[in-house]
N, C-alpha and C. Protein backbone atom coordinates (compact mmCIF):
# COMPACT_ATOMS: atom_id res chain seq x y z
N MET A 1 -31.06 -22.75 -21.55
CA MET A 1 -30.43 -21.52 -21.98
C MET A 1 -30.24 -20.57 -20.80
N SER A 2 -31.23 -20.46 -19.92
CA SER A 2 -31.11 -19.54 -18.82
C SER A 2 -30.07 -20.00 -17.80
N HIS A 3 -29.83 -21.33 -17.73
CA HIS A 3 -28.82 -21.85 -16.82
C HIS A 3 -27.44 -21.36 -17.26
N HIS A 4 -27.16 -21.39 -18.55
CA HIS A 4 -25.88 -20.88 -19.07
C HIS A 4 -25.74 -19.39 -18.84
N ARG A 5 -26.83 -18.68 -19.03
CA ARG A 5 -26.81 -17.22 -18.83
C ARG A 5 -26.52 -16.90 -17.38
N LEU A 6 -27.17 -17.58 -16.45
CA LEU A 6 -26.92 -17.35 -15.02
C LEU A 6 -25.50 -17.71 -14.64
N MET A 7 -25.00 -18.79 -15.19
CA MET A 7 -23.63 -19.18 -14.89
C MET A 7 -22.62 -18.17 -15.43
N THR A 8 -22.87 -17.66 -16.61
CA THR A 8 -22.01 -16.64 -17.22
C THR A 8 -22.02 -15.37 -16.38
N ILE A 9 -23.20 -14.95 -15.97
CA ILE A 9 -23.31 -13.74 -15.15
C ILE A 9 -22.61 -13.95 -13.81
N GLY A 10 -22.77 -15.13 -13.22
CA GLY A 10 -22.12 -15.42 -11.95
C GLY A 10 -20.60 -15.41 -12.07
N LEU A 11 -20.07 -16.03 -13.11
CA LEU A 11 -18.62 -16.05 -13.32
C LEU A 11 -18.08 -14.66 -13.60
N LEU A 12 -18.81 -13.88 -14.38
CA LEU A 12 -18.39 -12.50 -14.66
C LEU A 12 -18.39 -11.67 -13.39
N SER A 13 -19.40 -11.83 -12.56
CA SER A 13 -19.46 -11.10 -11.29
C SER A 13 -18.31 -11.50 -10.38
N LEU A 14 -18.01 -12.79 -10.32
CA LEU A 14 -16.89 -13.27 -9.50
C LEU A 14 -15.57 -12.69 -9.99
N PHE A 15 -15.39 -12.65 -11.28
CA PHE A 15 -14.17 -12.08 -11.88
C PHE A 15 -14.03 -10.60 -11.52
N ILE A 16 -15.12 -9.85 -11.62
CA ILE A 16 -15.08 -8.43 -11.30
C ILE A 16 -14.74 -8.21 -9.85
N VAL A 17 -15.34 -8.97 -8.95
CA VAL A 17 -15.03 -8.85 -7.52
C VAL A 17 -13.58 -9.22 -7.25
N ALA A 18 -13.09 -10.27 -7.87
CA ALA A 18 -11.71 -10.69 -7.66
C ALA A 18 -10.72 -9.63 -8.13
N CYS A 19 -11.07 -8.94 -9.18
CA CYS A 19 -10.17 -7.90 -9.70
C CYS A 19 -10.14 -6.65 -8.84
N THR A 20 -11.18 -6.42 -8.04
CA THR A 20 -11.24 -5.22 -7.22
C THR A 20 -10.69 -5.43 -5.81
N ILE A 21 -10.35 -6.66 -5.44
CA ILE A 21 -9.79 -6.92 -4.13
C ILE A 21 -8.35 -6.39 -4.09
N ASP A 22 -8.01 -5.79 -2.98
CA ASP A 22 -6.66 -5.22 -2.78
C ASP A 22 -5.69 -6.36 -2.56
N HIS A 23 -4.73 -6.52 -3.47
CA HIS A 23 -3.69 -7.55 -3.34
C HIS A 23 -2.34 -6.95 -2.99
N THR A 24 -2.32 -5.74 -2.45
CA THR A 24 -1.07 -5.05 -2.14
C THR A 24 -0.63 -5.35 -0.71
N ILE A 25 0.51 -4.79 -0.32
CA ILE A 25 1.04 -5.04 1.02
C ILE A 25 0.16 -4.43 2.11
N THR A 26 -0.76 -3.55 1.76
CA THR A 26 -1.63 -2.94 2.76
C THR A 26 -2.92 -3.75 3.01
N HIS A 27 -3.21 -4.72 2.17
CA HIS A 27 -4.45 -5.50 2.32
C HIS A 27 -4.48 -6.18 3.70
N GLY A 28 -5.45 -5.80 4.50
CA GLY A 28 -5.60 -6.39 5.84
C GLY A 28 -4.71 -5.77 6.90
N ALA A 29 -3.86 -4.84 6.52
CA ALA A 29 -2.97 -4.19 7.49
C ALA A 29 -3.69 -3.01 8.12
N ASP A 30 -4.65 -3.34 8.97
CA ASP A 30 -5.50 -2.31 9.55
C ASP A 30 -5.03 -1.80 10.90
N GLY A 31 -3.89 -2.26 11.36
CA GLY A 31 -3.32 -1.76 12.61
C GLY A 31 -1.84 -1.53 12.45
N SER A 32 -1.31 -0.72 13.32
CA SER A 32 0.09 -0.35 13.25
C SER A 32 1.05 -1.54 13.30
N PRO A 33 0.89 -2.50 14.22
CA PRO A 33 1.85 -3.60 14.24
C PRO A 33 1.90 -4.40 12.93
N GLU A 34 0.74 -4.70 12.37
CA GLU A 34 0.70 -5.47 11.13
C GLU A 34 1.26 -4.65 9.96
N TRP A 35 0.91 -3.38 9.88
CA TRP A 35 1.44 -2.54 8.81
C TRP A 35 2.96 -2.40 8.93
N ASP A 36 3.46 -2.24 10.12
CA ASP A 36 4.91 -2.12 10.34
C ASP A 36 5.61 -3.42 9.90
N ARG A 37 5.05 -4.56 10.25
CA ARG A 37 5.64 -5.84 9.88
C ARG A 37 5.68 -6.00 8.35
N ARG A 38 4.59 -5.68 7.70
CA ARG A 38 4.53 -5.83 6.23
C ARG A 38 5.47 -4.88 5.53
N LEU A 39 5.54 -3.63 6.01
CA LEU A 39 6.42 -2.65 5.38
C LEU A 39 7.87 -3.10 5.51
N ARG A 40 8.26 -3.53 6.71
CA ARG A 40 9.64 -3.96 6.91
C ARG A 40 9.99 -5.23 6.12
N SER A 41 9.00 -6.06 5.84
CA SER A 41 9.21 -7.24 4.98
C SER A 41 9.40 -6.83 3.53
N ALA A 42 8.69 -5.79 3.11
CA ALA A 42 8.74 -5.37 1.71
C ALA A 42 9.94 -4.45 1.40
N VAL A 43 10.33 -3.65 2.40
CA VAL A 43 11.42 -2.69 2.23
C VAL A 43 12.51 -3.03 3.24
N ALA A 44 13.51 -3.74 2.80
CA ALA A 44 14.55 -4.23 3.70
C ALA A 44 15.65 -3.18 3.91
N ILE A 45 16.17 -3.15 5.12
CA ILE A 45 17.33 -2.31 5.42
C ILE A 45 18.47 -2.78 4.51
N GLY A 46 19.15 -1.87 3.87
CA GLY A 46 20.25 -2.20 2.98
C GLY A 46 19.85 -2.24 1.52
N ALA A 47 18.55 -2.23 1.24
CA ALA A 47 18.08 -2.24 -0.17
C ALA A 47 18.37 -0.90 -0.81
N GLN A 48 18.47 -0.89 -2.12
CA GLN A 48 18.61 0.36 -2.85
C GLN A 48 17.37 1.22 -2.65
N ILE A 49 17.52 2.50 -2.45
CA ILE A 49 16.38 3.40 -2.23
C ILE A 49 15.44 3.40 -3.44
N GLU A 50 16.00 3.28 -4.65
CA GLU A 50 15.16 3.23 -5.85
C GLU A 50 14.29 1.99 -5.85
N ASP A 51 14.83 0.86 -5.38
CA ASP A 51 14.03 -0.37 -5.29
C ASP A 51 12.93 -0.23 -4.25
N ALA A 52 13.24 0.40 -3.13
CA ALA A 52 12.22 0.63 -2.10
C ALA A 52 11.09 1.47 -2.64
N GLN A 53 11.44 2.54 -3.36
CA GLN A 53 10.41 3.40 -3.95
C GLN A 53 9.58 2.62 -4.96
N ALA A 54 10.21 1.80 -5.78
CA ALA A 54 9.48 1.01 -6.78
C ALA A 54 8.48 0.06 -6.11
N VAL A 55 8.89 -0.56 -5.01
CA VAL A 55 7.99 -1.47 -4.28
C VAL A 55 6.77 -0.69 -3.78
N LEU A 56 7.02 0.45 -3.17
CA LEU A 56 5.90 1.23 -2.62
C LEU A 56 4.99 1.75 -3.72
N VAL A 57 5.53 2.28 -4.78
CA VAL A 57 4.71 2.79 -5.89
C VAL A 57 3.89 1.66 -6.51
N ARG A 58 4.51 0.50 -6.69
CA ARG A 58 3.82 -0.67 -7.25
C ARG A 58 2.65 -1.08 -6.34
N ASN A 59 2.74 -0.76 -5.07
CA ASN A 59 1.67 -1.11 -4.11
C ASN A 59 0.71 0.04 -3.86
N GLY A 60 0.71 1.05 -4.72
CA GLY A 60 -0.29 2.11 -4.68
C GLY A 60 0.08 3.35 -3.90
N PHE A 61 1.34 3.48 -3.48
CA PHE A 61 1.76 4.64 -2.71
C PHE A 61 2.21 5.77 -3.65
N LYS A 62 2.04 6.97 -3.16
CA LYS A 62 2.59 8.16 -3.80
C LYS A 62 3.78 8.59 -2.93
N CYS A 63 4.94 8.72 -3.54
CA CYS A 63 6.16 9.02 -2.79
C CYS A 63 6.76 10.34 -3.24
N ASN A 64 7.27 11.09 -2.27
CA ASN A 64 7.98 12.34 -2.53
C ASN A 64 9.26 12.35 -1.72
N VAL A 65 10.21 13.13 -2.17
CA VAL A 65 11.45 13.31 -1.42
C VAL A 65 11.12 14.14 -0.19
N GLY A 66 11.67 13.77 0.94
CA GLY A 66 11.42 14.49 2.18
C GLY A 66 11.85 15.93 2.10
N PRO A 67 11.10 16.86 2.68
CA PRO A 67 11.42 18.28 2.59
C PRO A 67 12.74 18.66 3.25
N ALA A 68 13.10 17.97 4.32
CA ALA A 68 14.32 18.34 5.05
C ALA A 68 15.55 17.56 4.58
N LYS A 69 15.33 16.31 4.17
CA LYS A 69 16.45 15.45 3.76
C LYS A 69 16.20 14.89 2.37
N PRO A 70 17.09 15.13 1.42
CA PRO A 70 16.87 14.62 0.07
C PRO A 70 16.96 13.10 -0.04
N GLU A 71 17.58 12.44 0.92
CA GLU A 71 17.65 10.97 0.88
C GLU A 71 16.56 10.32 1.73
N THR A 72 15.43 11.00 1.85
CA THR A 72 14.29 10.46 2.59
C THR A 72 13.07 10.43 1.67
N LEU A 73 12.40 9.28 1.61
CA LEU A 73 11.15 9.18 0.88
C LEU A 73 10.00 9.25 1.88
N VAL A 74 9.01 10.04 1.55
CA VAL A 74 7.79 10.14 2.36
C VAL A 74 6.68 9.64 1.45
N CYS A 75 6.07 8.52 1.83
CA CYS A 75 5.09 7.85 0.97
C CYS A 75 3.75 7.68 1.70
N ASP A 76 2.67 7.91 0.97
CA ASP A 76 1.32 7.76 1.54
C ASP A 76 0.42 7.02 0.59
N LYS A 77 -0.54 6.33 1.18
CA LYS A 77 -1.59 5.66 0.42
C LYS A 77 -2.86 5.79 1.21
N VAL A 78 -3.96 6.10 0.54
CA VAL A 78 -5.26 6.19 1.15
C VAL A 78 -6.15 5.11 0.52
N ALA A 79 -6.86 4.38 1.32
CA ALA A 79 -7.73 3.29 0.82
C ALA A 79 -8.73 3.84 -0.17
N SER A 80 -9.02 3.05 -1.17
CA SER A 80 -9.98 3.48 -2.20
C SER A 80 -11.41 3.36 -1.71
N ASN A 81 -11.68 2.48 -0.76
CA ASN A 81 -13.05 2.35 -0.25
C ASN A 81 -13.17 3.10 1.07
N SER A 82 -14.40 3.54 1.31
CA SER A 82 -14.66 4.28 2.54
C SER A 82 -15.84 3.66 3.27
N VAL A 83 -15.78 3.73 4.58
CA VAL A 83 -16.86 3.23 5.42
C VAL A 83 -17.33 4.38 6.27
N GLY A 84 -18.54 4.84 6.02
CA GLY A 84 -19.09 5.96 6.79
C GLY A 84 -18.28 7.24 6.64
N GLY A 85 -17.70 7.45 5.47
CA GLY A 85 -16.94 8.68 5.23
C GLY A 85 -15.54 8.64 5.82
N VAL A 86 -15.07 7.46 6.22
CA VAL A 86 -13.75 7.32 6.79
C VAL A 86 -12.94 6.34 5.94
N ARG A 87 -11.69 6.68 5.71
CA ARG A 87 -10.78 5.83 4.96
C ARG A 87 -9.53 5.57 5.78
N ARG A 88 -8.84 4.46 5.48
CA ARG A 88 -7.56 4.17 6.13
C ARG A 88 -6.44 4.80 5.31
N ARG A 89 -5.47 5.37 6.02
CA ARG A 89 -4.29 5.98 5.40
C ARG A 89 -3.06 5.25 5.95
N TRP A 90 -2.18 4.84 5.05
CA TRP A 90 -0.90 4.22 5.42
C TRP A 90 0.21 5.18 5.08
N HIS A 91 1.18 5.30 5.96
CA HIS A 91 2.30 6.21 5.77
C HIS A 91 3.59 5.43 5.95
N ALA A 92 4.56 5.70 5.06
CA ALA A 92 5.89 5.09 5.17
C ALA A 92 6.94 6.16 4.97
N THR A 93 7.92 6.18 5.84
CA THR A 93 9.08 7.05 5.68
C THR A 93 10.29 6.15 5.56
N VAL A 94 11.04 6.34 4.48
CA VAL A 94 12.21 5.51 4.20
C VAL A 94 13.42 6.42 4.12
N GLU A 95 14.36 6.26 5.02
CA GLU A 95 15.58 7.05 4.99
C GLU A 95 16.71 6.24 4.38
N ALA A 96 17.60 6.92 3.67
CA ALA A 96 18.72 6.24 3.03
C ALA A 96 20.04 6.90 3.39
N THR A 97 21.06 6.09 3.41
CA THR A 97 22.43 6.55 3.53
C THR A 97 23.21 5.95 2.37
N ASP A 98 23.87 6.77 1.59
CA ASP A 98 24.60 6.30 0.41
C ASP A 98 23.69 5.50 -0.52
N GLN A 99 22.46 5.99 -0.70
CA GLN A 99 21.45 5.39 -1.60
C GLN A 99 20.95 4.02 -1.15
N ARG A 100 21.21 3.66 0.10
CA ARG A 100 20.71 2.38 0.65
C ARG A 100 19.82 2.65 1.84
N VAL A 101 18.73 1.90 1.95
CA VAL A 101 17.79 2.09 3.03
C VAL A 101 18.49 1.85 4.36
N SER A 102 18.38 2.86 5.22
CA SER A 102 19.01 2.76 6.55
C SER A 102 17.98 2.79 7.70
N ARG A 103 16.76 3.23 7.38
CA ARG A 103 15.73 3.32 8.41
C ARG A 103 14.37 3.31 7.74
N VAL A 104 13.41 2.62 8.37
CA VAL A 104 12.03 2.54 7.85
C VAL A 104 11.09 2.83 9.00
N GLU A 105 10.15 3.75 8.80
CA GLU A 105 9.12 4.07 9.78
C GLU A 105 7.77 3.92 9.16
N SER A 106 6.79 3.51 9.95
CA SER A 106 5.45 3.30 9.43
C SER A 106 4.40 3.87 10.41
N SER A 107 3.26 4.20 9.86
CA SER A 107 2.09 4.56 10.67
C SER A 107 0.85 4.36 9.84
N THR A 108 -0.26 4.18 10.50
CA THR A 108 -1.53 4.06 9.82
C THR A 108 -2.61 4.69 10.70
N GLU A 109 -3.60 5.24 10.06
CA GLU A 109 -4.67 5.94 10.79
C GLU A 109 -5.92 5.98 9.95
N LEU A 110 -7.01 6.31 10.58
CA LEU A 110 -8.27 6.54 9.87
C LEU A 110 -8.42 8.04 9.65
N VAL A 111 -8.85 8.42 8.43
CA VAL A 111 -9.03 9.83 8.10
C VAL A 111 -10.43 10.05 7.56
N ARG A 112 -10.99 11.18 7.87
CA ARG A 112 -12.31 11.57 7.35
C ARG A 112 -12.15 12.13 5.94
N GLU A 113 -13.15 11.86 5.13
CA GLU A 113 -13.12 12.39 3.75
C GLU A 113 -13.40 13.85 3.74
């Protein structure tokens, strides 16, 4: 009986851990070159701006219209886990012309809580 209980607890623990792993485009993108590559793969030049926003929101970003240009999305995501009071922040700026992505910029940094 205890063997089944231990197996059940182990499987439940594995399931919980698997559900908490980041499966978004930012997973493992801990440096600027990798984050830039992933962002450009997910948000293609020429894509509809609404589609670009949907991709970013689906991946945990909060997006707002740029203050200076209405056809610019400014999107940020901060990691949910922290190490020593420091979290990773990913930033994406997506500019559009005629509602199509014309430019993509990325940056990432560590921020204190």
